[in-house]
Amino acid sequence: MTTLLYVEDNDDNIYMLSKRLLREGFKVSIARTGAEGVAMAREELPDLIIMDLVLPELNGFEAARQLRSDSLTRHIPIIALSASVLPEHKHRAIDAGCDDFETKPVDFPCLLGKIKQLLQAGAS
């Protein structure tokens, strides 16, 4: 079973997205802060991380940098989530080490396509 780590501090977003991901057959772990996300990624080694960029303790940009600098988690694909549609936000996320970017509210079919594409690229 494919495991996803969803790093998000908003309960409504967690409920909505994790429920849809579970219906698609993914196992979903939840972290509510950037620091917790980094720790869980190192411990669980998920197949993919979905990372909100505005988080308590450690923002998603810095969390992505930490994950990319660690040999244990460097290979895990990261999709950044943000309510910001500004191109600078996407560029900052990619520069921090995220593999892709999706805006909120989430276009679930689009996000699902990105997840599948990144998982397939990692498998080849």
C-alpha atoms as a PDB file:
ATOM      1  CA  MET A   1       0.000   0.000   0.000  1.00  0.00           C
ATOM      2  CA  THR A   2       1.292   3.448  -0.920  1.00  0.00           C
ATOM      3  CA  THR A   3       1.849   5.686   2.092  1.00  0.00           C
ATOM      4  CA  LEU A   4       1.384   9.447   1.992  1.00  0.00           C
ATOM      5  CA  LEU A   5       2.366  11.917   4.693  1.00  0.00           C
ATOM      6  CA  TYR A   6       0.048  14.928   4.747  1.00  0.00           C
ATOM      7  CA  VAL A   7       1.481  17.892   6.666  1.00  0.00           C
ATOM      8  CA  GLU A   8      -1.343  20.343   7.403  1.00  0.00           C
ATOM      9  CA  ASP A   9      -2.553  22.316  10.432  1.00  0.00           C
ATOM     10  CA  ASN A  10      -6.131  23.059   9.321  1.00  0.00           C
ATOM     11  CA  ASP A  11      -8.640  20.463  10.548  1.00  0.00           C
ATOM     12  CA  ASP A  12     -11.102  21.047   7.695  1.00  0.00           C
ATOM     13  CA  ASN A  13      -8.386  20.571   5.073  1.00  0.00           C
ATOM     14  CA  ILE A  14      -7.097  17.456   6.833  1.00  0.00           C
ATOM     15  CA  TYR A  15     -10.566  15.932   6.939  1.00  0.00           C
ATOM     16  CA  MET A  16     -11.452  16.742   3.345  1.00  0.00           C
ATOM     17  CA  LEU A  17      -8.226  15.722   1.651  1.00  0.00           C
ATOM     18  CA  SER A  18      -7.277  12.728   3.779  1.00  0.00           C
ATOM     19  CA  LYS A  19     -10.758  11.219   3.354  1.00  0.00           C
ATOM     20  CA  ARG A  20     -10.498  11.487  -0.441  1.00  0.00           C
ATOM     21  CA  LEU A  21      -6.972  10.056  -0.459  1.00  0.00           C
ATOM     22  CA  LEU A  22      -8.078   7.118   1.702  1.00  0.00           C
ATOM     23  CA  ARG A  23     -10.895   6.418  -0.777  1.00  0.00           C
ATOM     24  CA  GLU A  24      -8.260   6.245  -3.519  1.00  0.00           C
ATOM     25  CA  GLY A  25      -6.514   3.461  -1.601  1.00  0.00           C
ATOM     26  CA  PHE A  26      -3.642   5.398  -0.030  1.00  0.00           C
ATOM     27  CA  LYS A  27      -2.535   5.026   3.565  1.00  0.00           C
ATOM     28  CA  VAL A  28      -2.393   8.559   4.989  1.00  0.00           C
ATOM     29  CA  SER A  29      -0.377   9.752   7.978  1.00  0.00           C
ATOM     30  CA  ILE A  30      -1.031  13.243   9.343  1.00  0.00           C
ATOM     31  CA  ALA A  31       1.453  15.729  10.803  1.00  0.00           C
ATOM     32  CA  ARG A  32       0.146  19.073  12.088  1.00  0.00           C
ATOM     33  CA  THR A  33       3.380  21.095  12.173  1.00  0.00           C
ATOM     34  CA  GLY A  34       6.418  21.367   9.944  1.00  0.00           C
ATOM     35  CA  ALA A  35       8.668  19.975  12.670  1.00  0.00           C
ATOM     36  CA  GLU A  36       6.340  17.022  13.228  1.00  0.00           C
ATOM     37  CA  GLY A  37       6.258  16.447   9.472  1.00  0.00           C
ATOM     38  CA  VAL A  38      10.045  16.276   9.240  1.00  0.00           C
ATOM     39  CA  ALA A  39      10.227  13.893  12.204  1.00  0.00           C
ATOM     40  CA  MET A  40       7.470  11.638  10.848  1.00  0.00           C
ATOM     41  CA  ALA A  41       9.028  11.581   7.375  1.00  0.00           C
ATOM     42  CA  ARG A  42      12.338  10.446   8.866  1.00  0.00           C
ATOM     43  CA  GLU A  43      10.611   7.781  10.954  1.00  0.00           C
ATOM     44  CA  GLU A  44       7.984   6.464   8.510  1.00  0.00           C
ATOM     45  CA  LEU A  45       9.718   7.092   5.143  1.00  0.00           C
ATOM     46  CA  PRO A  46       6.450   7.648   3.238  1.00  0.00           C
ATOM     47  CA  ASP A  47       6.229   7.213  -0.520  1.00  0.00           C
ATOM     48  CA  LEU A  48       5.216  10.868  -0.977  1.00  0.00           C
ATOM     49  CA  ILE A  49       4.681  13.996   1.143  1.00  0.00           C
ATOM     50  CA  ILE A  50       1.944  16.595   0.685  1.00  0.00           C
ATOM     51  CA  MET A  51       3.175  19.716   2.499  1.00  0.00           C
ATOM     52  CA  ASP A  52       1.238  22.848   3.355  1.00  0.00           C
ATOM     53  CA  LEU A  53       3.589  25.826   3.194  1.00  0.00           C
ATOM     54  CA  VAL A  54       2.142  27.874   6.075  1.00  0.00           C
ATOM     55  CA  LEU A  55       2.634  25.772   9.193  1.00  0.00           C
ATOM     56  CA  PRO A  56       3.367  26.343  12.881  1.00  0.00           C
ATOM     57  CA  GLU A  57       6.843  25.761  14.345  1.00  0.00           C
ATOM     58  CA  LEU A  58       8.542  25.274  10.987  1.00  0.00           C
ATOM     59  CA  ASN A  59       7.079  26.448   7.688  1.00  0.00           C
ATOM     60  CA  GLY A  60       6.775  24.136   4.703  1.00  0.00           C
ATOM     61  CA  PHE A  61       9.657  25.792   2.851  1.00  0.00           C
ATOM     62  CA  GLU A  62      12.116  25.085   5.673  1.00  0.00           C
ATOM     63  CA  ALA A  63      10.671  21.617   6.287  1.00  0.00           C
ATOM     64  CA  ALA A  64      11.257  20.768   2.607  1.00  0.00           C
ATOM     65  CA  ARG A  65      14.845  22.065   2.837  1.00  0.00           C
ATOM     66  CA  GLN A  66      15.485  19.883   5.886  1.00  0.00           C
ATOM     67  CA  LEU A  67      14.015  16.815   4.163  1.00  0.00           C
ATOM     68  CA  ARG A  68      16.141  17.419   1.056  1.00  0.00           C
ATOM     69  CA  SER A  69      19.310  17.768   3.129  1.00  0.00           C
ATOM     70  CA  ASP A  70      18.778  14.400   4.872  1.00  0.00           C
ATOM     71  CA  SER A  71      19.973  11.279   3.054  1.00  0.00           C
ATOM     72  CA  LEU A  72      17.052   9.291   4.535  1.00  0.00           C
ATOM     73  CA  THR A  73      14.358  11.551   3.072  1.00  0.00           C
ATOM     74  CA  ARG A  74      16.079  13.215   0.102  1.00  0.00           C
ATOM     75  CA  HIS A  75      14.388  10.887  -2.404  1.00  0.00           C
ATOM     76  CA  ILE A  76      10.789  11.325  -1.169  1.00  0.00           C
ATOM     77  CA  PRO A  77       8.697  13.433  -3.569  1.00  0.00           C
ATOM     78  CA  ILE A  78       7.066  16.510  -2.029  1.00  0.00           C
ATOM     79  CA  ILE A  79       4.003  18.323  -3.332  1.00  0.00           C
ATOM     80  CA  ALA A  80       3.589  21.793  -1.809  1.00  0.00           C
ATOM     81  CA  LEU A  81       0.109  23.139  -1.041  1.00  0.00           C
ATOM     82  CA  SER A  82      -0.654  26.831  -0.718  1.00  0.00           C
ATOM     83  CA  ALA A  83      -3.628  29.147  -0.777  1.00  0.00           C
ATOM     84  CA  SER A  84      -1.375  31.622  -2.575  1.00  0.00           C
ATOM     85  CA  VAL A  85      -1.581  31.684  -6.349  1.00  0.00           C
ATOM     86  CA  LEU A  86       1.412  33.997  -6.665  1.00  0.00           C
ATOM     87  CA  PRO A  87       4.130  32.631  -8.962  1.00  0.00           C
ATOM     88  CA  GLU A  88       6.743  33.578  -6.337  1.00  0.00           C
ATOM     89  CA  HIS A  89       5.224  31.104  -3.878  1.00  0.00           C
ATOM     90  CA  LYS A  90       5.536  28.282  -6.397  1.00  0.00           C
ATOM     91  CA  HIS A  91       9.126  29.270  -7.238  1.00  0.00           C
ATOM     92  CA  ARG A  92      10.058  29.423  -3.543  1.00  0.00           C
ATOM     93  CA  ALA A  93       8.552  25.972  -2.981  1.00  0.00           C
ATOM     94  CA  ILE A  94      10.447  24.451  -5.906  1.00  0.00           C
ATOM     95  CA  ASP A  95      13.676  26.185  -4.789  1.00  0.00           C
ATOM     96  CA  ALA A  96      13.166  24.728  -1.295  1.00  0.00           C
ATOM     97  CA  GLY A  97      13.070  21.218  -2.758  1.00  0.00           C
ATOM     98  CA  CYS A  98       9.424  20.535  -3.518  1.00  0.00           C
ATOM     99  CA  ASP A  99       8.781  18.542  -6.676  1.00  0.00           C
ATOM    100  CA  ASP A 100       5.435  20.114  -7.523  1.00  0.00           C
ATOM    101  CA  PHE A 101       2.919  22.688  -6.322  1.00  0.00           C
ATOM    102  CA  GLU A 102      -0.872  22.742  -5.964  1.00  0.00           C
ATOM    103  CA  THR A 103      -3.093  25.616  -4.875  1.00  0.00           C
ATOM    104  CA  LYS A 104      -5.911  25.538  -2.337  1.00  0.00           C
ATOM    105  CA  PRO A 105      -8.726  24.883  -2.598  1.00  0.00           C
ATOM    106  CA  VAL A 106      -7.317  21.676  -3.986  1.00  0.00           C
ATOM    107  CA  ASP A 107      -8.371  20.506  -7.436  1.00  0.00           C
ATOM    108  CA  PHE A 108      -8.427  16.851  -6.355  1.00  0.00           C
ATOM    109  CA  PRO A 109      -8.215  15.221  -9.824  1.00  0.00           C
ATOM    110  CA  CYS A 110      -5.224  17.448 -10.625  1.00  0.00           C
ATOM    111  CA  LEU A 111      -3.531  16.642  -7.288  1.00  0.00           C
ATOM    112  CA  LEU A 112      -4.206  12.939  -7.772  1.00  0.00           C
ATOM    113  CA  GLY A 113      -2.603  13.107 -11.211  1.00  0.00           C
ATOM    114  CA  LYS A 114       0.498  14.782  -9.750  1.00  0.00           C
ATOM    115  CA  ILE A 115       0.704  12.164  -6.990  1.00  0.00           C
ATOM    116  CA  LYS A 116       0.499   9.298  -9.478  1.00  0.00           C
ATOM    117  CA  GLN A 117       3.023  10.921 -11.819  1.00  0.00           C
ATOM    118  CA  LEU A 118       5.576  11.464  -9.045  1.00  0.00           C
ATOM    119  CA  LEU A 119       5.089   7.962  -7.637  1.00  0.00           C
ATOM    120  CA  GLN A 120       5.522   6.456 -11.106  1.00  0.00           C
ATOM    121  CA  ALA A 121       8.664   8.527 -11.743  1.00  0.00           C
ATOM    122  CA  GLY A 122      10.107   7.338  -8.431  1.00  0.00           C
ATOM    123  CA  ALA A 123       9.369   3.703  -9.288  1.00  0.00           C
ATOM    124  CA  SER A 124      11.248   3.850 -12.585  1.00  0.00           C
END
